[in-house]
Protein backbone atom coordinates (compact mmCIF):
# COMPACT_ATOMS: atom_id res chain seq x y z
CA UNK A 1 226.53 90.20 112.23
CA UNK A 2 223.59 92.52 110.97
CA UNK A 3 221.35 94.52 112.60
CA UNK A 4 218.57 92.93 113.03
CA UNK A 5 219.97 89.71 113.86
CA UNK A 6 217.91 88.55 117.89
CA UNK A 7 218.35 85.31 120.09
CA UNK A 8 215.51 83.93 119.07
CA UNK A 9 216.31 83.96 114.89
CA UNK A 10 219.06 82.31 116.03
CA UNK A 11 216.96 79.49 117.15
CA UNK A 12 217.11 79.81 120.49
CA UNK A 13 214.40 79.84 123.11
CA UNK A 14 212.04 82.31 125.17
CA UNK A 15 213.08 80.95 128.15
CA UNK A 16 216.84 81.46 127.14
CA UNK A 17 217.10 84.52 125.35
CA UNK A 18 214.38 86.34 128.15
CA UNK A 19 217.35 85.43 130.90
CA UNK A 20 219.81 87.37 128.17
CA UNK A 21 218.07 90.23 128.12
CA UNK A 22 217.78 90.81 131.95
CA UNK A 23 220.73 91.14 132.16
CA UNK A 24 221.16 93.58 129.48
CA UNK A 25 222.78 91.72 126.68
CA UNK A 26 220.25 92.19 123.90
CA UNK A 27 222.27 91.94 120.38
CA UNK A 28 224.47 88.40 119.90
CA UNK A 29 227.71 88.74 118.59
CA UNK A 30 229.86 87.45 115.45
CA UNK A 31 231.00 84.56 116.93
CA UNK A 32 226.92 84.30 118.60
CA UNK A 33 225.63 84.31 115.55
CA UNK A 34 227.09 81.38 113.67
CA UNK A 35 227.78 79.04 116.72
CA UNK A 36 224.34 79.06 118.17
CA UNK A 37 222.82 77.18 114.72
CA UNK A 38 225.41 75.34 114.30
CA UNK A 39 225.71 73.97 117.56
CA UNK A 40 221.41 73.77 118.09
CA UNK A 41 221.91 71.56 114.60
CA UNK A 42 224.12 69.10 116.76
CA UNK A 43 227.21 69.76 114.32
CA UNK A 44 230.37 69.81 115.63
CA UNK A 45 232.05 73.24 115.73
CA UNK A 46 235.88 74.65 115.66
CA UNK A 47 235.43 77.82 116.66
CA UNK A 48 237.96 80.77 116.77
CA UNK A 49 237.26 84.22 117.98
CA UNK A 50 239.73 86.35 119.41
CA UNK A 51 238.88 86.90 123.50
CA UNK A 52 236.00 88.80 124.97
CA UNK A 53 233.71 88.51 122.41
CA UNK A 54 231.54 86.18 123.55
CA UNK A 55 232.62 83.15 123.09
CA UNK A 56 230.89 81.77 126.81
CA UNK A 57 227.43 82.82 125.83
CA UNK A 58 227.91 81.16 121.82
CA UNK A 59 228.42 77.60 123.34
CA UNK A 60 226.56 77.82 126.65
CA UNK A 61 223.58 78.93 126.06
CA UNK A 62 222.94 76.11 123.01
CA UNK A 63 224.32 73.49 125.63
CA UNK A 64 221.68 74.38 128.07
CA UNK A 65 219.08 74.49 125.51
CA UNK A 66 220.01 71.02 123.76
CA UNK A 67 219.86 69.69 127.55
CA UNK A 68 216.46 67.07 128.80
CA UNK A 69 215.48 68.26 131.96
CA UNK A 70 213.43 64.91 132.20
CA UNK A 71 216.50 63.11 131.63
CA UNK A 72 219.36 62.36 135.27
CA UNK A 73 221.81 60.97 133.88
CA UNK A 74 225.16 63.52 132.33
CA UNK A 75 224.16 64.78 129.56
CA UNK A 76 226.88 67.43 128.23
CA UNK A 77 230.51 68.34 129.68
CA UNK A 78 232.18 71.53 129.53
CA UNK A 79 235.49 71.21 130.01
CA UNK A 80 238.68 74.05 130.89
CA UNK A 81 242.40 73.75 130.90
CA UNK A 82 242.32 76.01 134.28
CA UNK A 83 240.49 75.59 138.02
CA UNK A 84 239.25 79.45 137.41
CA UNK A 85 238.03 79.04 134.31
CA UNK A 86 236.78 76.25 135.07
CA UNK A 87 234.53 78.20 138.60
CA UNK A 88 234.08 81.01 136.14
CA UNK A 89 232.11 78.63 133.50
CA UNK A 90 230.20 77.02 136.91
CA UNK A 91 229.19 80.46 138.08
CA UNK A 92 227.77 81.61 135.10
CA UNK A 93 226.15 77.77 134.50
CA UNK A 94 224.19 78.17 137.43
CA UNK A 95 223.14 81.75 136.84
CA UNK A 96 221.13 80.90 134.15
CA UNK A 97 220.21 77.86 134.89
CA UNK A 98 218.24 78.92 137.88
CA UNK A 99 214.61 77.85 138.15
CA UNK A 100 215.49 75.63 134.65
CA UNK A 101 215.04 72.56 137.00
CA UNK A 102 219.02 71.96 135.14
CA UNK A 103 221.72 70.01 137.81
CA UNK A 104 224.74 71.50 137.86
CA UNK A 105 227.70 69.71 138.80
CA UNK A 106 231.89 71.36 139.57
CA UNK A 107 234.93 68.97 139.21
CA UNK A 108 237.72 70.86 139.40
CA UNK A 109 241.30 69.69 140.68
CA UNK A 110 241.94 70.90 144.38
CA UNK A 111 238.84 70.82 145.68
CA UNK A 112 237.81 67.30 148.24
CA UNK A 113 237.38 64.30 145.69
CA UNK A 114 235.50 62.30 148.16
CA UNK A 115 232.49 65.37 148.32
CA UNK A 116 232.69 65.03 144.34
CA UNK A 117 232.38 61.91 144.76
CA UNK A 118 229.02 62.12 146.42
CA UNK A 119 227.39 65.28 144.89
CA UNK A 120 227.64 63.04 141.73
CA UNK A 121 224.97 60.48 143.39
CA UNK A 122 222.84 63.79 143.15
CA UNK A 123 222.37 62.80 139.55
CA UNK A 124 224.18 66.22 137.21
CA UNK A 125 222.73 66.46 133.46
CA UNK A 126 225.28 68.76 133.01
CA UNK A 127 229.36 68.59 134.21
CA UNK A 128 231.58 71.40 134.11
CA UNK A 129 235.30 70.73 134.70
CA UNK A 130 239.38 70.92 134.35
CA UNK A 131 240.76 67.52 132.40
CA UNK A 132 242.79 66.19 135.09
CA UNK A 133 240.06 65.74 138.00
CA UNK A 134 237.32 64.58 135.05
CA UNK A 135 240.08 62.06 134.15
CA UNK A 136 240.67 60.77 137.82
CA UNK A 137 237.26 60.14 138.65
CA UNK A 138 237.21 58.10 135.03
CA UNK A 139 240.63 56.41 136.45
CA UNK A 140 238.78 55.12 139.58
CA UNK A 141 235.25 54.14 138.36
CA UNK A 142 233.23 57.25 140.00
CA UNK A 143 232.53 58.65 136.75
CA UNK A 144 230.51 57.36 133.49
CA UNK A 145 230.09 59.63 130.71
CA UNK A 146 228.64 56.71 128.21
CA UNK A 147 225.29 58.81 128.17
CA UNK A 148 227.30 62.08 127.12
CA UNK A 149 226.03 63.76 123.83
CA UNK A 150 227.70 67.26 123.85
CA UNK A 151 231.39 67.82 124.98
CA UNK A 152 232.99 71.82 125.42
CA UNK A 153 236.33 72.33 125.24
CA UNK A 154 236.65 76.04 125.65
CA UNK A 155 240.13 78.11 125.74
CA UNK A 156 241.32 74.76 123.58
CA UNK A 157 244.45 76.11 122.81
CA UNK A 158 245.85 76.72 126.37
CA UNK A 159 244.86 72.51 126.84
CA UNK A 160 248.42 71.86 124.62
CA UNK A 161 250.26 74.64 127.28
CA UNK A 162 249.18 73.14 129.90
CA UNK A 163 250.16 69.48 129.07
CA UNK A 164 246.73 68.89 129.71
CA UNK A 165 246.51 67.08 125.85
CA UNK A 166 246.67 63.22 127.28
CA UNK A 167 243.34 63.97 130.30
CA UNK A 168 241.52 66.03 127.42
CA UNK A 169 242.07 62.57 124.98
CA UNK A 170 240.93 60.34 127.72
CA UNK A 171 237.87 61.72 128.60
CA UNK A 172 237.01 61.98 124.76
CA UNK A 173 237.53 58.27 124.36
CA UNK A 174 235.76 57.77 127.51
CA UNK A 175 232.57 60.21 125.48
CA UNK A 176 233.36 58.11 122.37
CA UNK A 177 233.43 59.78 118.64
CA UNK A 178 230.68 59.99 117.30
CA UNK A 179 229.28 62.49 119.92
CA UNK A 180 229.34 66.17 119.59
CA UNK A 181 232.31 67.95 119.97
CA UNK A 182 233.54 72.06 120.14
CA UNK A 183 237.01 73.31 120.41
CA UNK A 184 236.94 77.18 121.60
CA UNK A 185 239.91 79.29 121.41
CA UNK A 186 241.26 82.73 120.38
CA UNK A 187 244.41 80.94 118.25
CA UNK A 188 244.49 77.70 116.77
CA UNK A 189 248.12 76.25 117.22
CA UNK A 190 248.88 72.97 114.74
CA UNK A 191 248.42 70.81 117.87
CA UNK A 192 244.71 71.15 117.04
CA UNK A 193 244.57 69.70 114.00
CA UNK A 194 246.34 66.63 115.53
CA UNK A 195 242.93 66.44 117.55
CA UNK A 196 240.85 67.43 115.24
CA UNK A 197 241.82 64.92 112.53
CA UNK A 198 240.96 62.48 115.71
CA UNK A 199 238.01 62.97 117.47
CA UNK A 200 236.06 64.89 114.91
CA UNK A 201 234.13 63.87 112.21
CA UNK A 202 233.33 67.12 109.26
CA UNK A 203 233.66 69.84 112.12
CA UNK A 204 232.46 73.32 110.88
CA UNK A 205 235.12 75.76 110.73
CA UNK A 206 233.73 78.87 112.32
CA UNK A 207 237.13 81.55 112.26
CA UNK A 208 236.16 85.89 113.51
CA UNK A 209 239.02 86.96 111.82
CA UNK A 210 238.70 90.77 113.26
CA UNK A 211 240.61 94.21 111.58
CA UNK A 212 242.39 93.61 114.60
CA UNK A 213 242.56 90.59 117.41
CA UNK A 214 243.03 92.87 120.40
CA UNK A 215 239.69 94.67 120.13
CA UNK A 216 239.68 98.44 119.18
CA UNK A 217 238.00 99.27 122.88
CA UNK A 218 241.28 98.65 124.64
CA UNK A 219 243.91 101.44 124.47
CA UNK A 220 247.40 100.04 123.93
CA UNK A 221 250.51 102.03 125.87
CA UNK A 222 254.18 101.22 126.45
CA UNK A 223 256.51 102.91 128.80
CA UNK A 224 260.56 103.05 128.57
CA UNK A 225 262.35 102.69 131.29
CA UNK A 226 265.77 100.40 133.44
CA UNK A 227 264.73 97.61 134.95
CA UNK A 228 265.33 98.43 138.34
CA UNK A 229 263.63 101.40 137.38
CA UNK A 230 259.85 99.43 137.14
CA UNK A 231 258.44 98.67 140.66
CA UNK A 232 258.80 102.75 140.67
CA UNK A 233 256.59 103.27 137.14
CA UNK A 234 254.37 101.10 138.27
CA UNK A 235 253.91 102.69 141.93
CA UNK A 236 253.57 106.14 140.18
CA UNK A 237 251.18 104.55 137.15
CA UNK A 238 248.43 103.42 139.68
CA UNK A 239 248.47 106.47 141.42
CA UNK A 240 248.14 108.47 138.68
CA UNK A 241 245.04 106.68 137.01
CA UNK A 242 243.99 105.28 140.42
CA UNK A 243 242.11 102.55 139.01
CA UNK A 244 239.71 100.41 140.85
CA UNK A 245 240.88 97.00 139.85
CA UNK A 246 243.84 96.26 138.23
CA UNK A 247 245.90 93.21 136.90
CA UNK A 248 249.58 92.92 137.01
CA UNK A 249 250.98 90.39 134.58
CA UNK A 250 254.49 88.70 135.00
CA UNK A 251 256.67 85.92 132.97
CA UNK A 252 258.09 84.38 135.85
CA UNK A 253 256.19 82.56 139.18
CA UNK A 254 259.19 83.40 141.45
CA UNK A 255 258.60 87.49 141.23
CA UNK A 256 255.49 87.98 142.06
CA UNK A 257 256.30 87.40 146.28
CA UNK A 258 258.69 89.96 145.51
CA UNK A 259 256.58 91.99 143.66
CA UNK A 260 253.47 91.29 146.34
CA UNK A 261 255.67 92.10 149.33
CA UNK A 262 257.31 95.87 147.78
CA UNK A 263 253.91 96.91 146.31
CA UNK A 264 251.88 96.06 149.80
CA UNK A 265 254.82 97.80 151.63
CA UNK A 266 254.12 100.91 149.42
CA UNK A 267 250.69 101.12 150.83
CA UNK A 268 248.74 99.00 147.83
CA UNK A 269 246.15 97.10 148.78
CA UNK A 270 247.66 93.66 146.50
CA UNK A 271 246.54 89.16 146.76
CA UNK A 272 249.15 87.45 144.16
CA UNK A 273 247.15 84.37 142.07
CA UNK A 274 249.79 81.15 141.49
CA UNK A 275 249.08 78.83 139.01
CA UNK A 276 249.87 75.77 141.21
CA UNK A 277 247.27 77.18 143.69
CA UNK A 278 244.52 74.81 145.56
CA UNK A 279 241.29 76.21 144.59
CA UNK A 280 239.80 77.41 148.00
CA UNK A 281 242.82 79.40 148.22
CA UNK A 282 242.32 80.95 143.98
CA UNK A 283 238.63 81.07 145.14
CA UNK A 284 239.29 83.46 147.85
CA UNK A 285 241.76 85.62 146.01
CA UNK A 286 239.71 86.30 143.16
CA UNK A 287 236.68 87.00 145.36
CA UNK A 288 238.31 89.79 147.33
CA UNK A 289 239.54 90.76 143.91
CA UNK A 290 235.85 90.79 141.99
CA UNK A 291 234.44 92.54 145.88
CA UNK A 292 237.16 95.21 145.90
CA UNK A 293 238.77 94.13 149.00
CA UNK A 294 242.12 94.19 147.07
CA UNK A 295 243.47 96.77 144.33
CA UNK A 296 245.73 95.15 142.55
CA UNK A 297 245.84 91.08 141.68
CA UNK A 298 249.27 89.68 139.89
CA UNK A 299 249.28 86.56 138.01
CA UNK A 300 251.76 84.84 135.73
CA UNK A 301 249.81 83.44 131.81
CA UNK A 302 249.03 80.16 133.65
CA UNK A 303 248.08 81.39 136.55
CA UNK A 304 244.92 84.17 134.83
CA UNK A 305 244.00 82.07 131.56
CA UNK A 306 240.32 82.29 130.90
CA UNK A 307 239.39 85.19 133.78
CA UNK A 308 236.43 87.46 133.11
CA UNK A 309 236.15 89.97 135.75
CA UNK A 310 234.11 92.30 134.90
CA UNK A 311 234.69 96.29 135.06
CA UNK A 312 238.67 95.38 135.36
CA UNK A 313 239.67 98.68 133.30
CA UNK A 314 243.58 98.28 133.95
CA UNK A 315 246.23 96.13 132.79
CA UNK A 316 250.08 96.47 133.62
CA UNK A 317 252.42 94.27 132.35
CA UNK A 318 255.47 94.51 134.40
CA UNK A 319 256.92 92.45 131.95
CA UNK A 320 256.13 92.46 127.95
CA UNK A 321 254.10 89.52 126.94
CA UNK A 322 256.68 86.08 125.35
CA UNK A 323 254.73 86.44 121.84
CA UNK A 324 251.76 88.21 120.25
CA UNK A 325 249.33 85.26 121.34
CA UNK A 326 249.92 85.60 124.87
CA UNK A 327 249.57 89.79 124.26
CA UNK A 328 246.21 89.17 122.89
CA UNK A 329 245.45 86.59 126.13
CA UNK A 330 246.30 89.19 129.17
CA UNK A 331 244.31 92.46 126.94
CA UNK A 332 241.11 90.00 126.58
CA UNK A 333 241.39 90.73 130.02
CA UNK A 334 239.94 94.49 129.84
CA UNK A 335 237.75 95.78 126.84
CA UNK A 336 235.42 92.83 127.20
CA UNK A 337 232.26 93.05 125.35
CA UNK A 338 232.74 96.80 123.79
CA UNK A 339 234.08 98.05 127.27
CA UNK A 340 236.81 100.31 127.52
CA UNK A 341 239.93 99.37 128.48
CA UNK A 342 243.79 99.92 129.13
CA UNK A 343 246.76 97.79 128.84
CA UNK A 344 250.00 99.59 129.90
CA UNK A 345 253.73 97.54 129.55
CA UNK A 346 257.03 98.39 131.12
CA UNK A 347 259.88 97.52 128.93
CA UNK A 348 263.54 98.27 129.32
CA UNK A 349 265.34 99.71 126.49
CA UNK A 350 266.44 96.64 125.46
CA UNK A 351 263.04 95.58 125.04
CA UNK A 352 261.26 98.49 122.93
CA UNK A 353 261.88 96.45 119.65
CA UNK A 354 258.85 93.84 121.02
CA UNK A 355 256.61 96.31 121.23
CA UNK A 356 257.00 97.60 117.44
CA UNK A 357 256.53 93.69 117.09
CA UNK A 358 253.48 92.98 117.98
CA UNK A 359 252.41 96.38 116.95
CA UNK A 360 252.60 95.01 113.50
CA UNK A 361 251.60 91.96 114.26
CA UNK A 362 248.30 92.44 115.76
CA UNK A 363 247.48 95.79 113.37
CA UNK A 364 247.21 97.52 116.61
CA UNK A 365 248.81 101.15 117.77
CA UNK A 366 250.80 101.39 121.09
CA UNK A 367 251.90 104.30 121.70
CA UNK A 368 254.28 105.57 124.15
CA UNK A 369 254.06 107.25 127.69
CA UNK A 370 255.82 109.20 129.62
CA UNK A 371 255.39 110.93 133.04
CA UNK A 372 255.09 114.78 132.94
CA UNK A 373 254.03 116.80 136.69
CA UNK A 374 252.22 114.35 137.64
CA UNK A 375 250.16 112.99 134.43
CA UNK A 376 250.87 110.02 131.36
CA UNK A 377 251.38 111.79 128.33
CA UNK A 378 252.65 111.27 124.92
CA UNK A 379 256.23 112.30 124.06
CA UNK A 380 255.41 114.84 121.52
CA UNK A 381 253.09 116.13 124.21
CA UNK A 382 255.71 116.31 127.13
CA UNK A 383 257.71 118.55 124.50
CA UNK A 384 255.09 120.66 124.17
CA UNK A 385 254.45 121.08 127.33
CA UNK A 386 258.27 121.75 128.66
CA UNK A 387 258.29 124.36 125.63
CA UNK A 388 255.95 126.51 127.35
CA UNK A 389 258.37 129.48 128.98
CA UNK A 390 257.06 130.05 132.84
CA UNK A 391 256.06 133.19 133.55
CA UNK A 392 256.23 134.65 137.38
CA UNK A 393 253.77 137.14 138.62
CA UNK A 394 254.93 139.97 140.96
CA UNK A 395 253.70 139.63 144.63
CA UNK A 396 251.29 142.36 145.09
CA UNK A 397 251.30 145.58 147.54
CA UNK A 398 249.99 144.82 150.90
CA UNK A 399 246.55 145.78 151.02
CA UNK A 400 246.69 145.70 154.89
CA UNK A 401 245.45 148.65 156.69
CA UNK A 402 248.21 150.10 159.02
CA UNK A 403 248.02 149.76 162.66
CA UNK A 404 247.69 152.39 165.11
CA UNK A 405 251.09 151.42 166.60
CA UNK A 406 252.63 152.02 162.22
CA UNK A 407 250.71 154.91 162.73
CA UNK A 408 251.95 156.73 165.54
CA UNK A 409 255.48 155.91 164.40
CA UNK A 410 255.79 157.28 160.96
CA UNK A 411 254.46 160.43 162.13
CA UNK A 412 256.55 160.79 165.32
CA UNK A 413 259.57 159.55 163.23
CA UNK A 414 261.69 163.59 162.91
CA UNK A 415 262.98 164.57 160.02
CA UNK A 416 266.11 166.92 161.21
CA UNK A 417 266.52 163.57 163.42
CA UNK A 418 267.20 161.48 160.58
CA UNK A 419 269.21 163.41 158.76
CA UNK A 420 271.84 164.27 161.67
CA UNK A 421 271.96 160.51 161.97
CA UNK A 422 273.17 160.35 158.58
CA UNK A 423 275.88 162.78 158.85
CA UNK A 424 276.97 161.61 161.85
CA UNK A 425 277.27 158.36 160.60
CA UNK A 426 280.44 158.99 158.48
CA UNK A 427 282.85 160.69 161.33
CA UNK A 428 281.77 157.70 163.74
CA UNK A 429 282.56 155.63 160.65
CA UNK A 430 286.05 156.82 160.38
CA UNK A 431 286.68 156.54 163.96
CA UNK A 432 285.97 153.61 164.84
CA UNK A 433 288.06 152.90 161.12
CA UNK A 434 290.90 154.73 163.15
CA UNK A 435 290.69 152.94 166.47
CA UNK A 436 290.80 149.79 164.72
CA UNK A 437 293.58 150.87 162.35
CA UNK A 438 295.51 151.63 166.35
CA UNK A 439 298.04 149.20 166.77
CA UNK A 440 298.10 147.95 170.43
CA UNK A 441 299.91 147.32 173.20
CA UNK A 442 300.35 144.56 176.24
CA UNK A 443 301.58 147.44 178.76
CA UNK A 444 299.60 149.41 180.20
CA UNK A 445 300.48 152.76 180.65
CA UNK A 446 300.01 154.80 184.04
CA UNK A 447 298.65 157.93 183.71
CA UNK A 448 300.71 160.75 185.26
CA UNK A 449 299.53 162.15 188.07
CA UNK A 450 299.78 158.22 189.71
CA UNK A 451 304.11 157.79 188.66
CA UNK A 452 305.12 159.32 191.81
CA UNK A 453 303.17 157.92 193.66
CA UNK A 454 304.89 155.77 196.60
CA UNK A 455 308.19 156.95 195.26
CA UNK A 456 311.09 158.16 197.45
CA UNK A 457 311.81 161.70 197.85
CA UNK A 458 314.80 161.57 195.74
CA UNK A 459 312.73 160.90 193.06
CA UNK A 460 310.42 162.74 193.45
CA UNK A 461 313.08 165.77 194.19
CA UNK A 462 314.77 164.85 191.10
CA UNK A 463 311.66 164.47 188.42
CA UNK A 464 310.19 168.03 189.44
CA UNK A 465 313.80 169.46 188.62
């Protein structure tokens, strides 16, 4: 990408790039620079770019520009693998189509079906939804897509992981093979090649290969602890860093409730997001997290797919990602659009090799973190600080002025009395010692003068003689 590249030079009209400038988005990213002209030219696109590089604007802006606001038919469809990602796309589209005359309709699973059918009567020109709900409406003949000219599949690689391939192909079949199609993804699994050959015609391949798949603005760390200590370590890390928001990842859904309960008991404001939660539950949870009502959000890879949370500073992986691609997706929730972010992974000694493998596969430096005296630091820094000898200062002499009573007692104390007492002390100690050593007798000894008291006369005379 050259520094001279502008939104206008990519073919965007003033209406759209002025809205970008209003949101402080001035310079196009590499994927936007390559994708926007190709989409405006009507080409099929396969775009692969790492998470957080601006793929959403790369397809959304040209799609909006291609829509004829005077035509009341559905002209474009954008599909996302999860409800949350679809809702996120709806929010961005509504923000940028405000006062433009373009009507947007969401068709997302988990919402009331009849209400969506009623809203279709308002003649939307852009439909954003999940493959399952769109395919369901097609099946009951409440939706027609024959007028669609452009279809975008966001996070296309996840359609296969979530088992949405059948619904996706039903939607593509209803639209027709000759229409413009675009697949955007962070990775490119082998299954996408089959989909490409079946539904695309001479697609333009865009592959933005960065120096590293995890953006440079993200700092990556790991901490080694036993599995039973992960809760304690996680609690202390959050206390030390005090992030305004943090996203916590687990591998197993059945562990979420356990972690949520324990962290809430520790005093954290925490919510959890589940992959099978309905639309209203997910929307309510995400609203709390975005607004700052809760500090921590627990999720699995499935539930967090496609989350876009502004200014998310910390990702804490309570379990290491299952592979390098999942690590990329998790790390991509922070450090978006050049912002700084931190990813910390808690691993057991047996899981330590995973961090070394990810570091090599992703060409990133994942450093070890340890806790020492209330701070997080490298083991080398800890050893350096621990080797510094601790010196203790002597207590300072009291500078308090003596009271009148203490002055009087100090002046009036006679030295001779002190010396006399000092001389008498050994004699007293010696007497006490003899007293202690003398054997004791239980027999009472009468004084001499009391011996004749009460005795008969003959005995008294005998004693006297």
